[in-house]
N, C-alpha and C. Protein backbone atom coordinates (compact mmCIF):
# COMPACT_ATOMS: atom_id res chain seq x y z
N MET A 1 -10.72 -11.24 -4.39
CA MET A 1 -9.44 -11.92 -4.60
C MET A 1 -8.56 -11.08 -5.52
N PRO A 2 -7.24 -11.13 -5.29
CA PRO A 2 -6.33 -10.40 -6.15
C PRO A 2 -6.31 -10.98 -7.57
N HIS A 3 -5.86 -10.17 -8.49
CA HIS A 3 -5.66 -10.61 -9.86
C HIS A 3 -4.72 -11.82 -9.83
N PRO A 4 -4.95 -12.87 -10.65
CA PRO A 4 -4.14 -14.09 -10.60
C PRO A 4 -2.64 -13.86 -10.75
N VAL A 5 -2.24 -12.93 -11.62
CA VAL A 5 -0.80 -12.67 -11.80
C VAL A 5 -0.19 -12.13 -10.52
N PHE A 6 -0.88 -11.17 -9.90
CA PHE A 6 -0.36 -10.60 -8.67
C PHE A 6 -0.39 -11.62 -7.53
N GLN A 7 -1.41 -12.49 -7.48
CA GLN A 7 -1.47 -13.50 -6.44
C GLN A 7 -0.31 -14.47 -6.57
N THR A 8 0.04 -14.86 -7.80
CA THR A 8 1.17 -15.78 -8.00
C THR A 8 2.46 -15.16 -7.51
N ILE A 9 2.67 -13.90 -7.85
CA ILE A 9 3.88 -13.21 -7.42
C ILE A 9 3.88 -13.05 -5.91
N LEU A 10 2.72 -12.69 -5.37
CA LEU A 10 2.61 -12.53 -3.93
C LEU A 10 2.90 -13.84 -3.21
N ASP A 11 2.34 -14.94 -3.71
CA ASP A 11 2.59 -16.24 -3.10
C ASP A 11 4.09 -16.55 -3.09
N ALA A 12 4.77 -16.21 -4.17
CA ALA A 12 6.20 -16.51 -4.28
C ALA A 12 7.03 -15.62 -3.37
N GLU A 13 6.56 -14.41 -3.09
CA GLU A 13 7.40 -13.47 -2.36
C GLU A 13 6.95 -13.20 -0.93
N THR A 14 5.72 -13.55 -0.57
CA THR A 14 5.21 -13.21 0.75
C THR A 14 6.03 -13.84 1.87
N LEU A 15 6.45 -15.04 1.68
CA LEU A 15 7.19 -15.72 2.75
C LEU A 15 8.65 -15.27 2.82
N ASN A 16 9.11 -14.50 1.83
CA ASN A 16 10.48 -14.01 1.82
C ASN A 16 10.53 -12.57 2.27
N PHE A 17 10.13 -12.34 3.51
CA PHE A 17 10.09 -10.98 4.05
C PHE A 17 11.51 -10.56 4.41
N ASP A 18 12.27 -10.16 3.39
CA ASP A 18 13.64 -9.72 3.62
C ASP A 18 13.92 -8.52 2.75
N GLU A 19 15.15 -8.11 2.70
CA GLU A 19 15.47 -6.88 1.99
C GLU A 19 15.61 -7.07 0.48
N ASN A 20 15.51 -8.29 -0.05
CA ASN A 20 15.64 -8.48 -1.49
C ASN A 20 14.56 -7.74 -2.27
N LEU A 21 13.31 -7.84 -1.84
CA LEU A 21 12.23 -7.12 -2.51
C LEU A 21 12.44 -5.62 -2.33
N ASN A 22 12.80 -5.21 -1.14
CA ASN A 22 13.04 -3.79 -0.88
C ASN A 22 14.11 -3.25 -1.83
N ARG A 23 15.19 -3.99 -1.96
CA ARG A 23 16.30 -3.59 -2.84
C ARG A 23 15.85 -3.54 -4.29
N SER A 24 15.08 -4.53 -4.74
CA SER A 24 14.59 -4.55 -6.12
C SER A 24 13.75 -3.33 -6.43
N VAL A 25 12.83 -3.01 -5.53
CA VAL A 25 11.96 -1.85 -5.75
C VAL A 25 12.80 -0.57 -5.76
N SER A 26 13.74 -0.46 -4.84
CA SER A 26 14.62 0.71 -4.78
C SER A 26 15.37 0.89 -6.10
N LEU A 27 15.95 -0.17 -6.59
CA LEU A 27 16.71 -0.10 -7.84
C LEU A 27 15.81 0.24 -9.03
N LEU A 28 14.62 -0.35 -9.07
CA LEU A 28 13.69 -0.06 -10.17
C LEU A 28 13.21 1.40 -10.13
N LEU A 29 12.96 1.92 -8.94
CA LEU A 29 12.54 3.32 -8.83
C LEU A 29 13.65 4.25 -9.32
N LYS A 30 14.89 3.91 -9.02
CA LYS A 30 16.02 4.72 -9.49
C LYS A 30 16.22 4.58 -10.99
N LYS A 31 16.03 3.37 -11.50
CA LYS A 31 16.25 3.10 -12.92
C LYS A 31 15.22 3.80 -13.79
N LYS A 32 13.98 3.85 -13.36
CA LYS A 32 12.88 4.36 -14.20
C LYS A 32 13.14 5.78 -14.67
N PRO A 33 13.51 6.81 -13.98
CA PRO A 33 13.32 7.02 -12.53
C PRO A 33 11.89 7.45 -12.24
N SER A 34 11.43 7.09 -11.06
CA SER A 34 10.08 7.43 -10.61
C SER A 34 10.14 7.85 -9.15
N THR A 35 9.19 8.68 -8.76
CA THR A 35 9.06 9.04 -7.35
C THR A 35 7.79 8.41 -6.81
N ILE A 36 7.79 8.19 -5.50
CA ILE A 36 6.66 7.51 -4.86
C ILE A 36 6.34 8.17 -3.53
N SER A 37 5.07 8.16 -3.18
CA SER A 37 4.61 8.57 -1.87
C SER A 37 3.56 7.56 -1.40
N VAL A 38 3.41 7.46 -0.08
CA VAL A 38 2.61 6.37 0.48
C VAL A 38 1.65 6.88 1.55
N SER A 39 0.43 6.37 1.52
CA SER A 39 -0.53 6.55 2.59
C SER A 39 -0.76 5.17 3.18
N GLU A 40 -0.43 5.00 4.44
CA GLU A 40 -0.50 3.64 4.99
C GLU A 40 -1.09 3.59 6.40
N PRO A 41 -2.41 3.74 6.49
CA PRO A 41 -3.03 3.62 7.80
C PRO A 41 -2.94 2.21 8.38
N LEU A 42 -2.91 1.19 7.54
CA LEU A 42 -2.84 -0.18 8.05
C LEU A 42 -1.44 -0.55 8.51
N THR A 43 -0.45 -0.22 7.72
CA THR A 43 0.92 -0.68 7.97
C THR A 43 1.74 0.30 8.80
N SER A 44 1.18 1.44 9.11
CA SER A 44 1.78 2.41 10.04
C SER A 44 3.26 2.69 9.78
N GLY A 45 3.62 2.85 8.54
CA GLY A 45 4.99 3.23 8.21
C GLY A 45 5.89 2.10 7.73
N GLN A 46 5.43 0.86 7.77
CA GLN A 46 6.28 -0.26 7.34
C GLN A 46 6.72 -0.14 5.89
N VAL A 47 5.80 0.25 5.00
CA VAL A 47 6.14 0.36 3.58
C VAL A 47 7.16 1.48 3.40
N SER A 48 6.94 2.60 4.04
CA SER A 48 7.87 3.73 3.94
C SER A 48 9.25 3.36 4.47
N GLU A 49 9.27 2.65 5.57
CA GLU A 49 10.56 2.22 6.14
C GLU A 49 11.30 1.33 5.16
N ARG A 50 10.58 0.43 4.52
CA ARG A 50 11.22 -0.48 3.57
C ARG A 50 11.69 0.26 2.33
N LEU A 51 10.94 1.27 1.90
CA LEU A 51 11.33 2.04 0.71
C LEU A 51 12.55 2.93 0.98
N THR A 52 12.76 3.31 2.23
CA THR A 52 13.87 4.21 2.56
C THR A 52 15.03 3.48 3.23
N GLN A 53 15.08 2.20 3.10
CA GLN A 53 16.09 1.37 3.75
C GLN A 53 17.50 1.58 3.18
N PHE A 54 17.58 2.02 1.93
CA PHE A 54 18.88 2.08 1.26
C PHE A 54 19.31 3.52 0.98
N PRO A 55 20.62 3.75 0.94
CA PRO A 55 21.12 5.09 0.60
C PRO A 55 20.59 5.52 -0.76
N GLY A 56 20.30 6.79 -0.90
CA GLY A 56 19.80 7.32 -2.16
C GLY A 56 18.29 7.28 -2.28
N SER A 57 17.61 6.87 -1.22
CA SER A 57 16.14 6.76 -1.30
C SER A 57 15.49 8.13 -1.46
N SER A 58 16.19 9.20 -1.11
CA SER A 58 15.61 10.54 -1.30
C SER A 58 15.47 10.88 -2.78
N LEU A 59 16.09 10.10 -3.65
CA LEU A 59 15.92 10.31 -5.09
C LEU A 59 14.52 9.91 -5.56
N TYR A 60 13.89 8.98 -4.85
CA TYR A 60 12.58 8.49 -5.29
C TYR A 60 11.48 8.57 -4.25
N PHE A 61 11.82 8.64 -2.97
CA PHE A 61 10.79 8.64 -1.94
C PHE A 61 10.46 10.08 -1.55
N LYS A 62 9.19 10.49 -1.78
CA LYS A 62 8.79 11.87 -1.50
C LYS A 62 8.26 12.03 -0.08
N GLY A 63 7.55 11.02 0.44
CA GLY A 63 7.00 11.14 1.78
C GLY A 63 5.83 10.20 1.98
N SER A 64 5.30 10.24 3.20
CA SER A 64 4.18 9.37 3.52
C SER A 64 3.30 10.02 4.56
N ILE A 65 2.09 9.47 4.66
CA ILE A 65 1.19 9.89 5.73
C ILE A 65 0.63 8.64 6.39
N ILE A 66 0.46 8.74 7.69
CA ILE A 66 -0.18 7.67 8.45
C ILE A 66 -1.38 8.30 9.14
N CYS A 67 -2.52 8.16 8.51
CA CYS A 67 -3.77 8.69 9.06
C CYS A 67 -4.54 7.51 9.63
N TYR A 68 -4.42 7.32 10.90
CA TYR A 68 -4.96 6.12 11.52
C TYR A 68 -6.44 6.24 11.88
N VAL A 69 -6.82 7.37 12.44
CA VAL A 69 -8.22 7.54 12.87
C VAL A 69 -9.01 8.25 11.77
N PRO A 70 -10.32 8.03 11.73
CA PRO A 70 -11.13 8.63 10.67
C PRO A 70 -10.97 10.14 10.49
N LEU A 71 -10.95 10.90 11.58
CA LEU A 71 -10.83 12.34 11.47
C LEU A 71 -9.53 12.74 10.77
N ALA A 72 -8.44 12.06 11.09
CA ALA A 72 -7.16 12.35 10.44
C ALA A 72 -7.19 11.99 8.96
N LYS A 73 -7.90 10.92 8.64
CA LYS A 73 -8.02 10.53 7.22
C LYS A 73 -8.74 11.61 6.43
N ILE A 74 -9.71 12.26 7.05
CA ILE A 74 -10.45 13.32 6.38
C ILE A 74 -9.62 14.61 6.36
N GLN A 75 -9.06 15.00 7.50
CA GLN A 75 -8.35 16.27 7.58
C GLN A 75 -6.98 16.24 6.92
N VAL A 76 -6.19 15.23 7.20
CA VAL A 76 -4.82 15.16 6.66
C VAL A 76 -4.79 14.41 5.33
N GLY A 77 -5.46 13.27 5.29
CA GLY A 77 -5.46 12.46 4.07
C GLY A 77 -6.40 12.97 3.00
N GLN A 78 -7.20 13.97 3.34
CA GLN A 78 -8.13 14.63 2.42
C GLN A 78 -9.14 13.67 1.78
N ILE A 79 -9.57 12.69 2.57
CA ILE A 79 -10.60 11.76 2.10
C ILE A 79 -11.95 12.46 2.19
N SER A 80 -12.70 12.36 1.14
CA SER A 80 -14.01 13.01 1.09
C SER A 80 -14.99 12.28 2.01
N PRO A 81 -15.67 13.02 2.88
CA PRO A 81 -16.71 12.40 3.70
C PRO A 81 -17.80 11.74 2.84
N ASN A 82 -18.04 12.29 1.66
CA ASN A 82 -19.03 11.69 0.75
C ASN A 82 -18.61 10.29 0.32
N THR A 83 -17.32 10.11 0.03
CA THR A 83 -16.81 8.79 -0.36
C THR A 83 -17.00 7.80 0.79
N VAL A 84 -16.68 8.25 1.99
CA VAL A 84 -16.82 7.38 3.17
C VAL A 84 -18.28 7.03 3.41
N ASN A 85 -19.16 8.03 3.34
CA ASN A 85 -20.59 7.79 3.58
C ASN A 85 -21.18 6.83 2.55
N LYS A 86 -20.72 6.93 1.33
CA LYS A 86 -21.27 6.09 0.26
C LYS A 86 -20.70 4.67 0.28
N HIS A 87 -19.38 4.53 0.58
CA HIS A 87 -18.71 3.23 0.43
C HIS A 87 -18.17 2.64 1.73
N GLY A 88 -18.04 3.42 2.77
CA GLY A 88 -17.48 2.94 4.03
C GLY A 88 -15.95 3.08 4.05
N TRP A 89 -15.39 3.04 5.25
CA TRP A 89 -13.95 3.22 5.41
C TRP A 89 -13.15 2.10 4.76
N LEU A 90 -13.64 0.89 4.89
CA LEU A 90 -12.92 -0.26 4.33
C LEU A 90 -13.50 -0.55 2.95
N SER A 91 -12.95 0.15 1.94
CA SER A 91 -13.47 0.02 0.59
C SER A 91 -12.41 0.32 -0.44
N THR A 92 -12.64 -0.17 -1.65
CA THR A 92 -11.72 0.14 -2.75
C THR A 92 -11.72 1.64 -3.04
N GLU A 93 -12.87 2.26 -2.92
CA GLU A 93 -13.00 3.67 -3.25
C GLU A 93 -12.19 4.56 -2.30
N VAL A 94 -12.26 4.30 -1.01
CA VAL A 94 -11.50 5.10 -0.04
C VAL A 94 -10.00 4.84 -0.22
N THR A 95 -9.63 3.59 -0.42
CA THR A 95 -8.21 3.26 -0.60
C THR A 95 -7.66 3.92 -1.86
N LEU A 96 -8.43 3.92 -2.92
CA LEU A 96 -8.01 4.59 -4.16
C LEU A 96 -7.89 6.09 -3.95
N GLU A 97 -8.83 6.67 -3.24
CA GLU A 97 -8.77 8.11 -2.97
C GLU A 97 -7.52 8.45 -2.13
N MET A 98 -7.15 7.57 -1.20
CA MET A 98 -5.93 7.78 -0.41
C MET A 98 -4.70 7.82 -1.32
N ALA A 99 -4.62 6.89 -2.26
CA ALA A 99 -3.48 6.83 -3.18
C ALA A 99 -3.44 8.07 -4.07
N ARG A 100 -4.60 8.46 -4.59
CA ARG A 100 -4.66 9.67 -5.43
C ARG A 100 -4.20 10.89 -4.64
N ASN A 101 -4.71 11.02 -3.43
CA ASN A 101 -4.44 12.21 -2.63
C ASN A 101 -2.98 12.30 -2.19
N VAL A 102 -2.38 11.18 -1.81
CA VAL A 102 -0.98 11.24 -1.38
C VAL A 102 -0.08 11.53 -2.57
N ARG A 103 -0.43 11.01 -3.73
CA ARG A 103 0.33 11.30 -4.95
C ARG A 103 0.27 12.79 -5.27
N LYS A 104 -0.94 13.35 -5.18
CA LYS A 104 -1.13 14.77 -5.45
C LYS A 104 -0.43 15.63 -4.39
N MET A 105 -0.57 15.25 -3.12
CA MET A 105 0.00 16.00 -2.01
C MET A 105 1.52 16.15 -2.15
N TYR A 106 2.18 15.06 -2.53
CA TYR A 106 3.64 15.07 -2.62
C TYR A 106 4.15 15.28 -4.05
N LYS A 107 3.22 15.42 -5.00
CA LYS A 107 3.60 15.60 -6.41
C LYS A 107 4.56 14.49 -6.87
N SER A 108 4.17 13.27 -6.58
CA SER A 108 5.00 12.12 -6.94
C SER A 108 4.42 11.41 -8.17
N ASP A 109 5.23 10.57 -8.79
CA ASP A 109 4.79 9.80 -9.96
C ASP A 109 3.84 8.68 -9.57
N ILE A 110 4.08 8.10 -8.39
CA ILE A 110 3.30 6.95 -7.93
C ILE A 110 2.69 7.29 -6.57
N GLY A 111 1.41 7.01 -6.43
CA GLY A 111 0.75 7.10 -5.14
C GLY A 111 0.36 5.68 -4.73
N LEU A 112 0.70 5.32 -3.52
CA LEU A 112 0.44 3.97 -3.03
C LEU A 112 -0.31 4.08 -1.71
N SER A 113 -1.34 3.27 -1.53
CA SER A 113 -2.02 3.25 -0.24
C SER A 113 -2.30 1.83 0.20
N VAL A 114 -2.26 1.65 1.51
CA VAL A 114 -2.48 0.33 2.11
C VAL A 114 -3.47 0.52 3.26
N SER A 115 -4.66 -0.06 3.09
CA SER A 115 -5.71 0.11 4.07
C SER A 115 -6.32 -1.25 4.39
N GLY A 116 -6.82 -1.40 5.60
CA GLY A 116 -7.44 -2.67 5.95
C GLY A 116 -7.60 -2.83 7.43
N VAL A 117 -7.85 -4.07 7.83
CA VAL A 117 -8.07 -4.40 9.23
C VAL A 117 -7.08 -5.48 9.64
N ALA A 118 -6.18 -5.13 10.54
CA ALA A 118 -5.21 -6.10 11.04
C ALA A 118 -5.79 -6.92 12.18
N GLY A 119 -6.81 -6.40 12.81
CA GLY A 119 -7.48 -7.15 13.86
C GLY A 119 -7.02 -6.79 15.25
N PRO A 120 -7.76 -7.28 16.20
CA PRO A 120 -7.48 -6.96 17.59
C PRO A 120 -6.34 -7.78 18.19
N GLY A 121 -5.85 -8.75 17.49
CA GLY A 121 -4.80 -9.60 18.04
C GLY A 121 -4.92 -11.01 17.54
N ASP A 122 -4.69 -11.96 18.42
CA ASP A 122 -4.70 -13.37 18.03
C ASP A 122 -6.09 -13.98 18.01
N VAL A 123 -7.09 -13.24 18.49
CA VAL A 123 -8.44 -13.78 18.57
C VAL A 123 -9.23 -13.31 17.36
N LYS A 124 -9.81 -14.24 16.62
CA LYS A 124 -10.64 -13.92 15.45
C LYS A 124 -12.08 -13.81 15.90
N ILE A 125 -12.70 -12.67 15.64
CA ILE A 125 -14.10 -12.46 16.00
C ILE A 125 -14.96 -12.89 14.82
N GLU A 126 -16.03 -13.59 15.10
CA GLU A 126 -16.92 -14.06 14.04
C GLU A 126 -17.49 -12.88 13.25
N ASN A 127 -17.49 -13.02 11.92
CA ASN A 127 -18.03 -12.01 11.01
C ASN A 127 -17.30 -10.67 11.05
N ASP A 128 -16.05 -10.67 11.44
CA ASP A 128 -15.32 -9.40 11.38
C ASP A 128 -14.53 -9.32 10.08
N ASN A 129 -13.84 -8.22 9.89
CA ASN A 129 -13.08 -8.00 8.67
C ASN A 129 -11.59 -8.21 8.85
N THR A 130 -11.19 -8.87 9.92
CA THR A 130 -9.77 -9.08 10.16
C THR A 130 -9.11 -9.74 8.96
N GLY A 131 -8.03 -9.13 8.51
CA GLY A 131 -7.28 -9.65 7.38
C GLY A 131 -7.71 -9.09 6.04
N LYS A 132 -8.80 -8.34 6.01
CA LYS A 132 -9.26 -7.73 4.76
C LYS A 132 -8.39 -6.50 4.49
N VAL A 133 -7.77 -6.48 3.31
CA VAL A 133 -6.81 -5.44 2.97
C VAL A 133 -7.08 -4.95 1.54
N PHE A 134 -6.92 -3.66 1.34
CA PHE A 134 -6.96 -3.07 0.00
C PHE A 134 -5.65 -2.33 -0.24
N ILE A 135 -5.07 -2.54 -1.40
CA ILE A 135 -3.85 -1.85 -1.78
C ILE A 135 -4.11 -1.15 -3.11
N ALA A 136 -3.83 0.15 -3.16
CA ALA A 136 -4.06 0.94 -4.37
C ALA A 136 -2.76 1.54 -4.86
N LEU A 137 -2.62 1.57 -6.17
CA LEU A 137 -1.49 2.21 -6.84
C LEU A 137 -2.05 3.12 -7.92
N THR A 138 -1.62 4.38 -7.90
CA THR A 138 -2.05 5.33 -8.91
C THR A 138 -0.84 5.99 -9.55
N THR A 139 -0.97 6.28 -10.83
CA THR A 139 0.03 7.05 -11.58
C THR A 139 -0.77 7.98 -12.50
N SER A 140 -0.07 8.64 -13.40
CA SER A 140 -0.79 9.50 -14.34
C SER A 140 -1.56 8.68 -15.37
N THR A 141 -1.25 7.38 -15.48
CA THR A 141 -1.88 6.55 -16.51
C THR A 141 -2.73 5.39 -15.98
N ILE A 142 -2.57 5.01 -14.72
CA ILE A 142 -3.36 3.90 -14.20
C ILE A 142 -3.85 4.17 -12.78
N GLU A 143 -4.91 3.49 -12.44
CA GLU A 143 -5.41 3.45 -11.08
C GLU A 143 -5.83 2.01 -10.82
N LYS A 144 -5.21 1.40 -9.85
CA LYS A 144 -5.46 -0.02 -9.59
C LYS A 144 -5.64 -0.23 -8.09
N VAL A 145 -6.67 -1.00 -7.74
CA VAL A 145 -6.90 -1.39 -6.35
C VAL A 145 -7.02 -2.90 -6.33
N ILE A 146 -6.28 -3.53 -5.44
CA ILE A 146 -6.33 -4.99 -5.31
C ILE A 146 -6.77 -5.35 -3.89
N PRO A 147 -7.83 -6.15 -3.78
CA PRO A 147 -8.26 -6.61 -2.46
C PRO A 147 -7.53 -7.90 -2.07
N TYR A 148 -7.28 -8.05 -0.80
CA TYR A 148 -6.64 -9.26 -0.27
C TYR A 148 -7.40 -9.71 0.97
N GLN A 149 -7.24 -10.97 1.29
CA GLN A 149 -7.71 -11.50 2.56
C GLN A 149 -6.55 -12.29 3.14
N PHE A 150 -5.92 -11.73 4.17
CA PHE A 150 -4.76 -12.37 4.79
C PHE A 150 -5.15 -13.02 6.11
N ASP A 151 -4.50 -14.10 6.41
CA ASP A 151 -4.67 -14.77 7.70
C ASP A 151 -3.45 -14.46 8.56
N GLY A 152 -3.60 -14.66 9.85
CA GLY A 152 -2.48 -14.51 10.75
C GLY A 152 -2.78 -13.52 11.86
N THR A 153 -1.77 -13.29 12.65
CA THR A 153 -1.88 -12.33 13.74
C THR A 153 -1.87 -10.92 13.16
N ARG A 154 -2.11 -9.96 14.00
CA ARG A 154 -2.07 -8.55 13.62
C ARG A 154 -0.73 -8.22 12.96
N THR A 155 0.35 -8.66 13.55
CA THR A 155 1.69 -8.40 13.02
C THR A 155 1.88 -9.04 11.66
N ILE A 156 1.46 -10.28 11.51
CA ILE A 156 1.62 -11.00 10.25
C ILE A 156 0.79 -10.35 9.14
N ILE A 157 -0.42 -9.98 9.44
CA ILE A 157 -1.28 -9.33 8.45
C ILE A 157 -0.64 -8.04 7.96
N ARG A 158 -0.11 -7.25 8.86
CA ARG A 158 0.54 -5.99 8.47
C ARG A 158 1.80 -6.25 7.65
N GLN A 159 2.56 -7.28 8.01
CA GLN A 159 3.76 -7.62 7.22
C GLN A 159 3.38 -8.09 5.82
N LYS A 160 2.36 -8.93 5.73
CA LYS A 160 1.91 -9.40 4.42
C LYS A 160 1.41 -8.24 3.57
N ALA A 161 0.71 -7.30 4.19
CA ALA A 161 0.20 -6.14 3.45
C ALA A 161 1.34 -5.28 2.92
N SER A 162 2.36 -5.05 3.72
CA SER A 162 3.49 -4.25 3.24
C SER A 162 4.23 -4.98 2.13
N GLN A 163 4.33 -6.28 2.26
CA GLN A 163 4.97 -7.09 1.22
C GLN A 163 4.17 -7.02 -0.08
N ALA A 164 2.86 -7.19 0.02
CA ALA A 164 2.00 -7.15 -1.17
C ALA A 164 2.06 -5.78 -1.84
N ALA A 165 2.14 -4.72 -1.05
CA ALA A 165 2.22 -3.37 -1.62
C ALA A 165 3.50 -3.21 -2.43
N LEU A 166 4.61 -3.69 -1.89
CA LEU A 166 5.88 -3.57 -2.62
C LEU A 166 5.91 -4.48 -3.85
N VAL A 167 5.27 -5.63 -3.77
CA VAL A 167 5.18 -6.50 -4.95
C VAL A 167 4.39 -5.79 -6.05
N LEU A 168 3.31 -5.12 -5.69
CA LEU A 168 2.53 -4.38 -6.67
C LEU A 168 3.37 -3.28 -7.33
N VAL A 169 4.11 -2.54 -6.53
CA VAL A 169 4.98 -1.49 -7.08
C VAL A 169 6.03 -2.09 -7.99
N LYS A 170 6.65 -3.18 -7.54
CA LYS A 170 7.68 -3.83 -8.35
C LYS A 170 7.12 -4.27 -9.70
N GLN A 171 5.95 -4.90 -9.68
CA GLN A 171 5.35 -5.38 -10.93
C GLN A 171 5.05 -4.22 -11.88
N TRP A 172 4.51 -3.13 -11.36
CA TRP A 172 4.22 -1.99 -12.20
C TRP A 172 5.51 -1.42 -12.79
N LEU A 173 6.53 -1.28 -11.96
CA LEU A 173 7.80 -0.72 -12.42
C LEU A 173 8.46 -1.63 -13.47
N MET A 174 8.37 -2.93 -13.30
CA MET A 174 8.96 -3.86 -14.26
C MET A 174 8.27 -3.73 -15.62
N LYS A 175 6.97 -3.52 -15.61
CA LYS A 175 6.25 -3.33 -16.88
C LYS A 175 6.70 -2.03 -17.57
N GLN A 176 7.07 -1.04 -16.78
CA GLN A 176 7.46 0.26 -17.34
C GLN A 176 8.88 0.24 -17.91
N THR A 177 9.71 -0.65 -17.42
CA THR A 177 11.12 -0.65 -17.84
C THR A 177 11.39 -1.65 -18.95
N THR A 178 10.37 -2.38 -19.40
CA THR A 178 10.59 -3.33 -20.49
C THR A 178 10.10 -2.79 -21.81
């Protein structure tokens, strides 16, 4: 389960899938100023699209990678096969390594990763991991991974994951600007 503070914020903002959160994060990134890069195998670019929605996003957005299949995660995302063998693809350790690596790759202040299982569609398979999501945020001073369990269709799970990722970034940025 996510940290109670983040869950409260997520509950308040998850149903408001609009540009208000996107705009808030954009403004906070400019205000800090901070740069961000994203690894998002689960959301396939949704977080990056939301971060670059407004003019001036090149001031803070460095880039992203979408490594969907395991081989790409190892070759492009630079995930250690040892980490995968020890913890599995769907783990806090792999998600954290994705965030570290994308931050290093793009030389950004913030590395963000969103990993999980959106599922095969509207049918829930017994004992599967559908809806299980990990979101990691790394900076020079913190490394945080938050697990989530989302319900809904494949599309809804991916939307909730992108929303939760931006909420995490917003919360971290707000702590830095106060």
